[in-house]
């Protein structure tokens, strides 16, 4: 089993809004979110366990993003969520 850490607000995943894009940012290391949950409007991080099978992983993670009508971003472990957000702000075009 693999672990992913997902920001939550209450009982639902908490997507971030970046340049008009609604994105669910998750990571394989909880430390990505240290002290920065407020930036994405989350109140906690929840560990989500998924199968090692690549297809099952993709299906479960996609379902989670779809449940909040968001795209999916998996943050690298060596980068904080603020750095991920800043990079996405630079890379993503604005959507009105």
C-alpha atoms as a PDB file:
ATOM      1  CA  UNK A   1       0.000   0.000   0.000  1.00  0.00           C
ATOM      2  CA  UNK A   2       1.085   3.544  -0.749  1.00  0.00           C
ATOM      3  CA  UNK A   3       0.208   6.591   1.306  1.00  0.00           C
ATOM      4  CA  UNK A   4      -0.848   9.967  -0.003  1.00  0.00           C
ATOM      5  CA  UNK A   5      -1.491  12.962   2.192  1.00  0.00           C
ATOM      6  CA  UNK A   6      -4.467  15.075   1.200  1.00  0.00           C
ATOM      7  CA  UNK A   7      -5.561  18.426   2.663  1.00  0.00           C
ATOM      8  CA  UNK A   8      -9.108  18.351   4.038  1.00  0.00           C
ATOM      9  CA  UNK A   9     -11.579  20.935   5.209  1.00  0.00           C
ATOM     10  CA  UNK A  10     -14.030  19.182   7.430  1.00  0.00           C
ATOM     11  CA  UNK A  11     -15.052  15.926   5.769  1.00  0.00           C
ATOM     12  CA  UNK A  12     -14.070  16.802   2.187  1.00  0.00           C
ATOM     13  CA  UNK A  13     -10.795  17.227   0.337  1.00  0.00           C
ATOM     14  CA  UNK A  14      -9.774  20.894   0.143  1.00  0.00           C
ATOM     15  CA  UNK A  15      -8.799  22.013  -3.365  1.00  0.00           C
ATOM     16  CA  UNK A  16      -6.799  25.186  -3.983  1.00  0.00           C
ATOM     17  CA  UNK A  17      -7.872  27.840  -6.472  1.00  0.00           C
ATOM     18  CA  UNK A  18      -4.875  28.943  -8.559  1.00  0.00           C
ATOM     19  CA  UNK A  19      -5.338  31.336 -11.487  1.00  0.00           C
ATOM     20  CA  UNK A  20      -8.936  30.164 -11.800  1.00  0.00           C
ATOM     21  CA  UNK A  21      -7.957  26.480 -11.763  1.00  0.00           C
ATOM     22  CA  UNK A  22      -9.395  24.339  -8.985  1.00  0.00           C
ATOM     23  CA  UNK A  23      -6.655  21.870  -7.995  1.00  0.00           C
ATOM     24  CA  UNK A  24      -6.390  19.208  -5.329  1.00  0.00           C
ATOM     25  CA  UNK A  25      -2.766  19.174  -4.190  1.00  0.00           C
ATOM     26  CA  UNK A  26      -1.593  15.993  -2.510  1.00  0.00           C
ATOM     27  CA  UNK A  27       1.782  14.526  -1.628  1.00  0.00           C
ATOM     28  CA  UNK A  28       3.432  11.308  -0.545  1.00  0.00           C
ATOM     29  CA  UNK A  29       5.056  13.107   2.396  1.00  0.00           C
ATOM     30  CA  UNK A  30       2.997  14.866   5.044  1.00  0.00           C
ATOM     31  CA  UNK A  31       5.765  17.423   5.613  1.00  0.00           C
ATOM     32  CA  UNK A  32       4.874  19.111   2.300  1.00  0.00           C
ATOM     33  CA  UNK A  33       1.939  20.720   4.140  1.00  0.00           C
ATOM     34  CA  UNK A  34       3.736  21.699   7.367  1.00  0.00           C
ATOM     35  CA  UNK A  35       2.320  24.913   8.805  1.00  0.00           C
ATOM     36  CA  UNK A  36       0.782  25.890   5.457  1.00  0.00           C
ATOM     37  CA  UNK A  37      -2.706  24.383   5.402  1.00  0.00           C
ATOM     38  CA  UNK A  38      -4.332  27.792   5.626  1.00  0.00           C
ATOM     39  CA  UNK A  39      -2.921  28.687   2.204  1.00  0.00           C
ATOM     40  CA  UNK A  40      -5.258  26.205   0.572  1.00  0.00           C
ATOM     41  CA  UNK A  41      -8.155  26.566   2.986  1.00  0.00           C
ATOM     42  CA  UNK A  42      -7.633  23.244   4.746  1.00  0.00           C
ATOM     43  CA  UNK A  43      -7.830  22.458   8.443  1.00  0.00           C
ATOM     44  CA  UNK A  44      -6.046  19.102   8.476  1.00  0.00           C
ATOM     45  CA  UNK A  45      -4.175  16.556   6.397  1.00  0.00           C
ATOM     46  CA  UNK A  46      -5.601  13.083   5.974  1.00  0.00           C
ATOM     47  CA  UNK A  47      -3.601  10.003   5.016  1.00  0.00           C
ATOM     48  CA  UNK A  48      -5.161   8.086   2.149  1.00  0.00           C
ATOM     49  CA  UNK A  49      -3.951   4.560   1.515  1.00  0.00           C
ATOM     50  CA  UNK A  50      -3.994   3.245  -2.013  1.00  0.00           C
ATOM     51  CA  UNK A  51      -2.959   0.017  -3.641  1.00  0.00           C
ATOM     52  CA  UNK A  52       0.505  -0.390  -5.170  1.00  0.00           C
ATOM     53  CA  UNK A  53      -1.234  -1.174  -8.472  1.00  0.00           C
ATOM     54  CA  UNK A  54      -0.734   1.875 -10.709  1.00  0.00           C
ATOM     55  CA  UNK A  55      -4.168   1.675 -12.348  1.00  0.00           C
ATOM     56  CA  UNK A  56      -5.953   1.392  -9.007  1.00  0.00           C
ATOM     57  CA  UNK A  57      -3.925   4.316  -7.635  1.00  0.00           C
ATOM     58  CA  UNK A  58      -4.835   6.498 -10.589  1.00  0.00           C
ATOM     59  CA  UNK A  59      -8.494   5.538 -10.347  1.00  0.00           C
ATOM     60  CA  UNK A  60      -8.769   6.275  -6.604  1.00  0.00           C
ATOM     61  CA  UNK A  61      -6.874   9.570  -6.793  1.00  0.00           C
ATOM     62  CA  UNK A  62      -8.892  10.688  -9.825  1.00  0.00           C
ATOM     63  CA  UNK A  63     -12.133   9.845  -8.013  1.00  0.00           C
ATOM     64  CA  UNK A  64     -11.033  11.949  -5.053  1.00  0.00           C
ATOM     65  CA  UNK A  65     -10.287  14.943  -7.295  1.00  0.00           C
ATOM     66  CA  UNK A  66     -13.539  14.447  -9.190  1.00  0.00           C
ATOM     67  CA  UNK A  67     -15.488  14.441  -5.910  1.00  0.00           C
ATOM     68  CA  UNK A  68     -14.526  18.115  -5.462  1.00  0.00           C
ATOM     69  CA  UNK A  69     -14.557  18.909  -9.209  1.00  0.00           C
ATOM     70  CA  UNK A  70     -10.832  19.656  -9.273  1.00  0.00           C
ATOM     71  CA  UNK A  71      -7.721  18.736 -11.172  1.00  0.00           C
ATOM     72  CA  UNK A  72      -5.030  16.743  -9.408  1.00  0.00           C
ATOM     73  CA  UNK A  73      -1.471  17.776  -8.530  1.00  0.00           C
ATOM     74  CA  UNK A  74       0.944  15.473  -6.729  1.00  0.00           C
ATOM     75  CA  UNK A  75       3.576  17.597  -5.029  1.00  0.00           C
ATOM     76  CA  UNK A  76       7.149  16.319  -4.849  1.00  0.00           C
ATOM     77  CA  UNK A  77       8.305  15.496  -1.335  1.00  0.00           C
ATOM     78  CA  UNK A  78      11.229  17.891  -1.226  1.00  0.00           C
ATOM     79  CA  UNK A  79       9.088  20.987  -1.950  1.00  0.00           C
ATOM     80  CA  UNK A  80       6.676  22.780   0.375  1.00  0.00           C
ATOM     81  CA  UNK A  81       3.105  23.454  -0.684  1.00  0.00           C
ATOM     82  CA  UNK A  82       3.813  27.202  -0.902  1.00  0.00           C
ATOM     83  CA  UNK A  83       6.509  26.509  -3.496  1.00  0.00           C
ATOM     84  CA  UNK A  84       4.135  24.269  -5.446  1.00  0.00           C
ATOM     85  CA  UNK A  85       1.488  27.000  -5.416  1.00  0.00           C
ATOM     86  CA  UNK A  86       3.950  29.679  -6.533  1.00  0.00           C
ATOM     87  CA  UNK A  87       5.177  27.468  -9.369  1.00  0.00           C
ATOM     88  CA  UNK A  88       1.621  26.740 -10.501  1.00  0.00           C
ATOM     89  CA  UNK A  89       0.781  30.456 -10.397  1.00  0.00           C
ATOM     90  CA  UNK A  90       3.662  31.083 -12.785  1.00  0.00           C
ATOM     91  CA  UNK A  91       2.937  28.131 -15.082  1.00  0.00           C
ATOM     92  CA  UNK A  92      -0.847  28.079 -15.355  1.00  0.00           C
ATOM     93  CA  UNK A  93      -2.693  30.530 -17.589  1.00  0.00           C
ATOM     94  CA  UNK A  94      -5.498  32.542 -16.053  1.00  0.00           C
ATOM     95  CA  UNK A  95      -8.999  31.201 -16.540  1.00  0.00           C
ATOM     96  CA  UNK A  96     -11.811  33.726 -16.255  1.00  0.00           C
END
